[in-house]
Every structure is written in C-alpha cells, then in structure tokens.
Protein backbone atom coordinates (compact mmCIF):
# COMPACT_ATOMS: atom_id res chain seq x y z
CA MET A 1 -154.40 227.34 -22.22
CA LEU A 2 -157.16 224.74 -22.43
CA ARG A 3 -156.65 224.31 -26.16
CA GLU A 4 -152.89 224.04 -25.71
CA SER A 5 -153.30 221.47 -22.94
CA THR A 6 -155.71 219.41 -25.06
CA PHE A 7 -153.30 219.50 -27.99
CA GLN A 8 -150.43 218.39 -25.75
CA ARG A 9 -152.46 215.38 -24.63
CA ILE A 10 -153.50 214.42 -28.16
CA TYR A 11 -150.18 215.07 -29.93
CA PRO A 12 -148.37 211.91 -28.68
CA HIS A 13 -151.19 209.76 -30.07
CA ILE A 14 -151.07 211.58 -33.42
CA SER A 15 -147.31 211.07 -33.51
CA VAL A 16 -147.66 207.32 -32.87
CA LEU A 17 -150.33 206.96 -35.57
CA SER A 18 -148.10 208.86 -37.99
CA ARG A 19 -145.20 206.49 -37.37
CA VAL A 20 -147.46 203.42 -37.69
CA TRP A 21 -148.82 204.73 -41.02
CA ALA A 22 -145.36 205.66 -42.35
CA ALA A 23 -144.08 202.08 -42.69
CA PRO A 24 -146.87 200.63 -44.90
CA HIS A 25 -147.04 203.89 -46.86
CA THR A 26 -143.31 203.62 -47.59
CA ALA A 27 -143.74 200.00 -48.70
CA VAL A 28 -146.56 200.98 -51.07
CA LEU A 29 -144.44 203.79 -52.53
CA PHE A 30 -141.72 201.26 -53.40
CA THR A 31 -144.21 199.36 -55.59
CA ARG A 32 -146.47 202.21 -56.74
CA SER A 33 -145.06 202.38 -60.29
CA ASP A 34 -145.57 198.64 -60.84
CA ILE A 35 -149.13 198.17 -59.60
CA LEU A 36 -150.58 198.60 -63.11
CA THR A 37 -147.57 196.95 -64.74
CA ILE A 38 -147.30 193.78 -62.65
CA VAL A 39 -150.01 193.40 -60.01
CA VAL A 40 -153.13 194.10 -62.11
CA PRO A 41 -152.14 192.02 -65.20
CA THR A 42 -150.95 189.14 -63.00
CA LEU A 43 -154.15 189.07 -60.96
CA ALA A 44 -156.17 189.26 -64.20
CA PHE A 45 -154.28 186.32 -65.71
CA SER A 46 -154.28 184.12 -62.60
CA THR A 47 -157.98 184.71 -61.89
CA VAL A 48 -159.23 184.21 -65.46
CA SER A 49 -156.93 181.25 -66.20
CA THR A 50 -158.02 179.29 -63.14
CA GLY A 51 -161.63 180.44 -62.98
CA ASP A 52 -161.09 180.87 -59.24
CA PHE A 53 -162.98 183.96 -58.10
CA CYS A 54 -162.86 183.13 -54.39
CA LEU A 55 -162.13 186.43 -52.62
CA THR A 56 -159.84 184.80 -50.06
CA ARG A 57 -157.61 183.26 -52.73
CA ILE A 58 -157.64 186.48 -54.78
CA LEU A 59 -156.34 188.29 -51.69
CA TYR A 60 -153.72 185.56 -51.18
CA ARG A 61 -152.64 185.90 -54.81
CA PHE A 62 -152.43 189.67 -54.38
CA LEU A 63 -150.29 189.30 -51.23
CA TRP A 64 -147.95 186.81 -52.93
CA VAL A 65 -147.51 189.00 -56.01
CA TRP A 66 -147.09 192.20 -54.02
CA LEU A 67 -144.51 190.82 -51.56
CA ASN A 68 -142.41 189.35 -54.37
CA LEU A 69 -142.74 192.62 -56.25
CA LEU A 70 -141.73 194.56 -53.12
CA GLN A 71 -138.59 192.45 -52.80
CA PHE A 72 -137.66 193.23 -56.41
CA CYS A 73 -138.50 196.95 -56.15
CA ILE A 74 -136.45 197.52 -53.01
CA SER A 75 -133.49 195.71 -54.57
CA ASN A 76 -133.85 197.64 -57.82
CA GLN A 77 -134.29 201.05 -56.22
CA THR A 78 -131.28 200.72 -53.91
CA HIS A 79 -129.22 200.47 -57.13
CA SER A 80 -130.91 203.37 -58.91
CA ILE A 81 -131.24 206.22 -56.43
CA GLU A 82 -129.66 208.74 -58.81
CA GLU A 83 -132.03 207.78 -61.60
CA ASP A 84 -135.02 208.11 -59.29
CA ARG A 85 -133.94 211.60 -58.22
CA ILE A 86 -134.74 212.60 -61.82
CA ASN A 87 -137.55 210.25 -62.89
CA LYS A 88 -139.38 209.45 -59.64
CA PRO A 89 -138.25 211.72 -56.78
CA TRP A 90 -141.28 210.66 -54.70
CA ARG A 91 -139.88 207.15 -54.22
CA PRO A 92 -138.80 206.34 -50.64
CA LEU A 93 -135.02 206.45 -51.14
CA PRO A 94 -134.62 209.77 -53.02
CA ALA A 95 -137.35 211.28 -50.84
CA GLY A 96 -135.41 210.31 -47.70
CA ARG A 97 -138.23 208.23 -46.16
CA ILE A 98 -135.81 205.33 -45.61
CA SER A 99 -132.02 204.97 -45.73
CA PRO A 100 -130.28 202.75 -48.33
CA LYS A 101 -128.85 200.64 -45.48
CA THR A 102 -132.30 200.01 -43.96
CA ALA A 103 -133.80 199.31 -47.39
CA GLY A 104 -131.04 196.78 -48.05
CA ARG A 105 -131.79 194.98 -44.80
CA LEU A 106 -135.52 194.96 -45.55
CA ARG A 107 -134.86 193.45 -48.98
CA TRP A 108 -133.00 190.47 -47.47
CA ILE A 109 -135.63 190.05 -44.74
CA LEU A 110 -138.30 189.78 -47.45
CA LEU A 111 -136.48 186.93 -49.21
CA PRO A 112 -137.26 184.20 -46.61
CA VAL A 113 -140.75 185.70 -46.13
CA CYS A 114 -141.51 185.30 -49.85
CA LEU A 115 -140.12 181.76 -49.88
CA ALA A 116 -142.13 180.87 -46.77
CA ILE A 117 -145.49 182.00 -48.19
CA SER A 118 -144.63 180.10 -51.39
CA SER A 119 -143.82 176.82 -49.63
CA LEU A 120 -147.35 175.36 -49.64
CA ASP A 121 -147.07 174.42 -53.33
CA GLY A 122 -144.01 173.22 -55.23
CA THR A 123 -144.82 175.18 -58.40
CA VAL A 124 -145.43 178.39 -56.45
CA PHE A 125 -142.12 177.88 -54.62
CA ALA A 126 -140.32 177.30 -57.93
CA ALA A 127 -141.87 180.49 -59.35
CA CYS A 128 -140.69 182.43 -56.29
CA ALA A 129 -137.19 180.96 -56.71
CA VAL A 130 -137.14 182.04 -60.37
CA LEU A 131 -138.24 185.56 -59.37
CA THR A 132 -135.47 185.70 -56.76
CA ALA A 133 -132.87 184.55 -59.31
CA ALA A 134 -134.16 187.09 -61.86
CA THR A 135 -133.97 189.83 -59.21
CA LEU A 136 -130.35 188.95 -58.44
CA ALA A 137 -129.46 188.90 -62.13
CA HIS A 138 -131.34 192.11 -62.98
CA ASN A 139 -130.16 194.22 -60.04
CA ASP A 140 -127.13 192.71 -58.29
CA ARG A 141 -125.43 191.43 -61.46
CA ASP A 142 -126.56 194.59 -63.32
CA LEU A 143 -128.04 192.66 -66.25
CA GLY A 144 -130.95 195.10 -66.22
CA ALA A 145 -128.63 197.82 -67.49
CA ASN A 146 -128.55 196.43 -71.04
CA TRP A 147 -131.69 196.24 -73.16
CA ARG A 148 -131.03 192.67 -74.39
CA THR A 149 -130.84 191.01 -70.99
CA ARG A 150 -133.25 193.53 -69.47
CA ASN A 151 -136.09 192.59 -71.84
CA LEU A 152 -135.36 188.88 -71.44
CA LEU A 153 -135.42 189.08 -67.63
CA ASN A 154 -138.68 191.06 -67.80
CA ALA A 155 -140.23 188.28 -69.88
CA VAL A 156 -139.03 185.61 -67.43
CA GLY A 157 -140.31 187.66 -64.49
CA TYR A 158 -143.79 188.09 -65.97
CA ALA A 159 -144.04 184.34 -66.64
CA ALA A 160 -142.95 183.48 -63.08
CA PHE A 161 -145.42 185.96 -61.57
CA ASN A 162 -148.28 184.58 -63.66
CA ILE A 163 -147.59 180.90 -63.03
CA GLY A 164 -146.95 181.38 -59.31
CA ALA A 165 -150.13 183.39 -58.81
CA ALA A 166 -152.20 180.90 -60.82
CA PHE A 167 -151.03 177.91 -58.78
CA ILE A 168 -151.96 179.59 -55.52
CA SER A 169 -155.45 178.38 -56.47
CA SER A 170 -154.21 174.80 -55.91
CA ALA A 171 -154.24 174.12 -59.63
CA PRO A 172 -153.80 170.41 -60.42
CA SER A 173 -150.51 169.35 -61.99
CA TYR A 174 -151.93 168.89 -65.49
CA ARG A 175 -152.48 172.64 -65.71
CA LEU A 176 -148.77 173.40 -65.48
CA ARG A 177 -148.06 172.29 -69.06
CA THR A 178 -151.00 174.34 -70.34
CA LEU A 179 -150.02 177.47 -68.43
CA LEU A 180 -146.40 177.11 -69.53
CA ALA A 181 -147.55 176.96 -73.15
CA VAL A 182 -149.59 180.14 -72.69
CA GLN A 183 -146.68 181.84 -70.96
CA LEU A 184 -144.35 180.94 -73.83
CA ILE A 185 -146.58 182.99 -76.15
CA ASN A 186 -147.16 185.79 -73.63
CA SER A 187 -143.44 186.00 -72.86
CA SER A 188 -142.74 186.50 -76.55
CA VAL A 189 -145.14 189.44 -76.49
CA ILE A 190 -143.39 190.87 -73.41
CA LEU A 191 -139.94 190.34 -74.92
CA THR A 192 -140.81 192.37 -78.02
CA THR A 193 -142.89 195.16 -76.44
CA ILE A 194 -141.92 195.66 -72.78
CA HIS A 195 -139.42 198.39 -73.64
CA ALA A 196 -142.55 200.55 -73.83
CA GLN A 197 -141.92 201.14 -70.12
CA ASP A 198 -138.50 202.72 -70.75
CA PHE A 199 -139.43 205.76 -72.87
CA LYS A 200 -140.62 207.75 -69.86
CA ASP A 201 -137.37 207.04 -67.96
CA VAL A 202 -134.81 207.95 -70.63
CA ASP A 203 -133.30 210.92 -68.79
CA GLY A 204 -132.64 209.06 -65.56
CA ASP A 205 -131.50 205.87 -67.31
CA ARG A 206 -129.00 207.81 -69.41
CA ARG A 207 -127.62 209.53 -66.32
CA ILE A 208 -126.71 206.24 -64.60
CA GLY A 209 -125.37 204.63 -67.78
CA ARG A 210 -128.18 202.22 -68.66
CA SER A 211 -128.57 201.19 -72.28
CA THR A 212 -132.31 200.63 -72.70
CA MET A 213 -133.82 200.26 -76.16
CA PRO A 214 -135.14 203.86 -76.30
CA ILE A 215 -131.58 205.07 -75.55
CA ALA A 216 -129.73 202.66 -77.84
CA TYR A 217 -132.25 202.86 -80.72
CA PRO A 218 -134.53 205.90 -80.17
CA LYS A 219 -136.48 205.72 -83.45
CA ALA A 220 -136.39 201.98 -84.05
CA SER A 221 -137.58 201.17 -80.51
CA ARG A 222 -140.61 203.44 -80.89
CA ILE A 223 -141.41 201.99 -84.32
CA ALA A 224 -141.16 198.51 -82.77
CA VAL A 225 -143.86 199.29 -80.21
CA VAL A 226 -146.06 200.97 -82.83
CA ALA A 227 -145.73 197.90 -85.07
CA PHE A 228 -145.61 194.99 -82.61
CA VAL A 229 -148.55 195.91 -80.36
CA PRO A 230 -151.18 195.96 -83.17
CA ALA A 231 -149.49 193.00 -84.88
CA TRP A 232 -149.54 190.87 -81.72
CA THR A 233 -153.17 191.88 -81.20
CA LEU A 234 -154.11 190.50 -84.61
CA VAL A 235 -152.04 187.33 -84.13
CA LEU A 236 -153.51 186.56 -80.71
CA CYS A 237 -157.09 187.24 -81.81
CA CYS A 238 -156.67 184.84 -84.72
CA TYR A 239 -154.70 182.20 -82.80
CA TRP A 240 -157.03 182.01 -79.80
CA HIS A 241 -160.23 182.48 -81.86
CA VAL A 242 -161.57 185.10 -79.48
CA SER A 243 -165.14 186.38 -79.68
CA THR A 244 -166.01 189.27 -81.96
CA ASN A 245 -166.69 191.62 -79.06
CA PHE A 246 -163.40 190.83 -77.32
CA ALA A 247 -161.51 191.06 -80.62
CA ALA A 248 -162.99 194.48 -81.31
CA ALA A 249 -162.09 195.81 -77.86
CA PHE A 250 -158.61 194.25 -78.01
CA ALA A 251 -157.99 195.64 -81.51
CA ILE A 252 -159.10 199.15 -80.54
CA SER A 253 -156.83 199.01 -77.48
CA GLY A 254 -153.84 197.80 -79.54
CA LEU A 255 -154.33 200.42 -82.25
CA TYR A 256 -154.75 203.15 -79.66
CA VAL A 257 -151.48 202.15 -77.96
CA GLY A 258 -149.71 202.27 -81.30
CA VAL A 259 -151.11 205.71 -82.08
CA ARG A 260 -150.21 207.07 -78.62
CA PHE A 261 -146.59 205.97 -78.94
CA ALA A 262 -146.36 207.15 -82.55
CA ARG A 263 -147.60 210.64 -81.63
CA ALA A 264 -145.78 210.99 -78.30
CA GLN A 265 -143.63 214.09 -78.15
CA THR A 266 -143.18 214.77 -74.44
CA LEU A 267 -142.54 212.89 -71.21
CA ALA A 268 -146.23 213.29 -70.30
CA ASP A 269 -147.18 211.73 -73.65
CA ASP A 270 -144.94 208.71 -73.00
CA LYS A 271 -146.39 208.26 -69.51
CA CYS A 272 -149.93 208.33 -70.89
CA ALA A 273 -149.01 205.92 -73.70
CA TYR A 274 -147.50 203.53 -71.16
CA ARG A 275 -150.68 203.54 -69.07
CA CYS A 276 -152.61 202.61 -72.21
CA TYR A 277 -150.07 199.84 -72.87
CA ASN A 278 -150.81 198.35 -69.44
CA VAL A 279 -154.53 198.19 -70.23
CA TRP A 280 -153.66 196.38 -73.46
CA LEU A 281 -151.35 194.07 -71.49
CA CYS A 282 -154.22 192.98 -69.23
CA MET A 283 -156.27 192.10 -72.29
CA MET A 284 -153.33 190.23 -73.78
CA HIS A 285 -153.10 188.06 -70.65
CA ALA A 286 -156.81 187.31 -70.80
CA ALA A 287 -156.97 186.58 -74.55
CA ALA A 288 -155.90 182.94 -74.23
CA PHE A 289 -158.94 182.19 -72.09
CA MET A 290 -161.49 184.25 -74.00
CA GLY A 291 -161.70 182.25 -77.23
CA THR A 292 -162.86 178.90 -78.57
CA ARG A 293 -159.27 177.74 -79.03
CA GLY A 294 -158.18 178.97 -75.61
CA PRO A 295 -156.81 176.39 -73.17
CA ILE A 296 -159.52 175.26 -70.78
CA VAL A 297 -157.74 174.94 -67.45
CA TYR A 298 -160.58 175.18 -64.97
C-alpha cells in the first residue's frame, strides 16, 4: 500500500515531465535526418568562412539554421506521410506523435519566428526569405517531385543556409560578394551530386510518384555520383590551392564516397554511402578557406 501510494503521488509529476519532453523531442525528430546533411555542413562553412569561433554566435547560428530547417521539414513531411511510412516510420507524422493539422499550424507559426530572428541583418533576412520561397516551391508547388527542379532548389537552399549563417557573425558588406562567389562554386557541386541523398529513399519516393534521379536514371545517377565526387575533389583542391594534408584527406574522402556508391547493393549500403557523402560535403564547404587561393573573409 505504501509503495502504491508513493507511486500515485509521483505519477502526476512523471506525466507532466513526459509531456514537456515530448514537444522538443518531436521537433528534433522532424529534423533528425538533416542534421548531418544541413546543420553540420552549414555550421562548418559559416564558422570557418568568418573565423568567428565565439560560442554565443555559434549557438545563434545553430538556432537560426535549425529553426529554418524545422520549418522546411514540417512542410515537407506533411506532404510525404505515405513515403515516410516506408522510408522513415519513426518520423512524427507516420508515428502518430503529432497530427497533420497540428503540424501544418506549427509550420505557419514558425514562418514569422524565422523572419523575426533574421531581422537584425538585411542579408540574413534575405537568406531567410529565399529559404521560405524555396520551401514553398519545393513542397507546396511540388517542384521537389521532379529531379531537375529538386536538385536546383537543393542547391539554392544550401547557398541560402550558408550565407545566412555566415552573416549572423555581423560580417561586413564586402564579404557578401566573396561568399556569393564561393557559393556559386559550392552550389554547382550540390547541383551535380546532391541526388546522393535519394538512393536510400527510392521505395517511398516511387510510391508517392516522385521522379528523383535514382528513379528516372538508376544506373546513370549512380555513375554520376561515382564520377562527380572524386572529380570535384580534384578540381577544388587545384582551384583553391589547398595544403597537401587537407588535399590528401579530401581526396581519400572523395574516393571513398565514390567506392561506397559504386559497390552499394542494399538499402543499408546506400545509407552508409550517404553518411560518407556528408563528411565529404563538410570538407567541400571548408576547402575554399583552407588554401592559399582561398578567399580571405575574416
């Protein structure tokens, strides 16, 4: 009886803590798949490009990137519940952690929040506006369903994330032209290789009628990743005149990504290859600032 009475007194507090924990946990689950894809490379680029290692501003950059990413992910996942039932059943909507109606409301609540935290700098605000427009085009206008517009919007999104996060460090105006030039090169890399993310999602994408590159051109799309990743590695090492040590590490990473995709036979293989691609992507973002020809912006 004593144990039962004690449990009855404690249970309401456990229940409250559970509900408090559920909301942030659900938010994290919306973005879980894109932490390595978006958050880590963007933080790497914005920190290295500005030379700003202040912990407070790193946290601010993280918050800005994550909230904008959350807005995109909620919007995207409310349009792809059936796909996620196959590819990612742990996501909040197929798992029943949140209803589509509530997720839709949260998405539109996040829009003014993202714009508000971007309002301290004109370039950051413009980057947020571009991300919002890309989100509308990708999800609401369904341009993410075709590999041509999908890859282009991914390239635009990466550039907006990188420039917005970099300017949170109060970068002076002269840096914008330099960062835009770097992003033009990096966006070309993204445009030609980002379909690496779609191999692991073929089953779900096919079910909802998407035409990603691995679905439209199964062999050619894989060959493209195998060829473009090492090729871009060589081009960027030569163009930015990176150090021997960085070039060696970058080259090994690029070759390893190519080999992983070339030898992939199963869904698990494609997932592993994609994780390796994200490591390479971080190095790609840093390459411009690791060589003697790199743009000095800090």
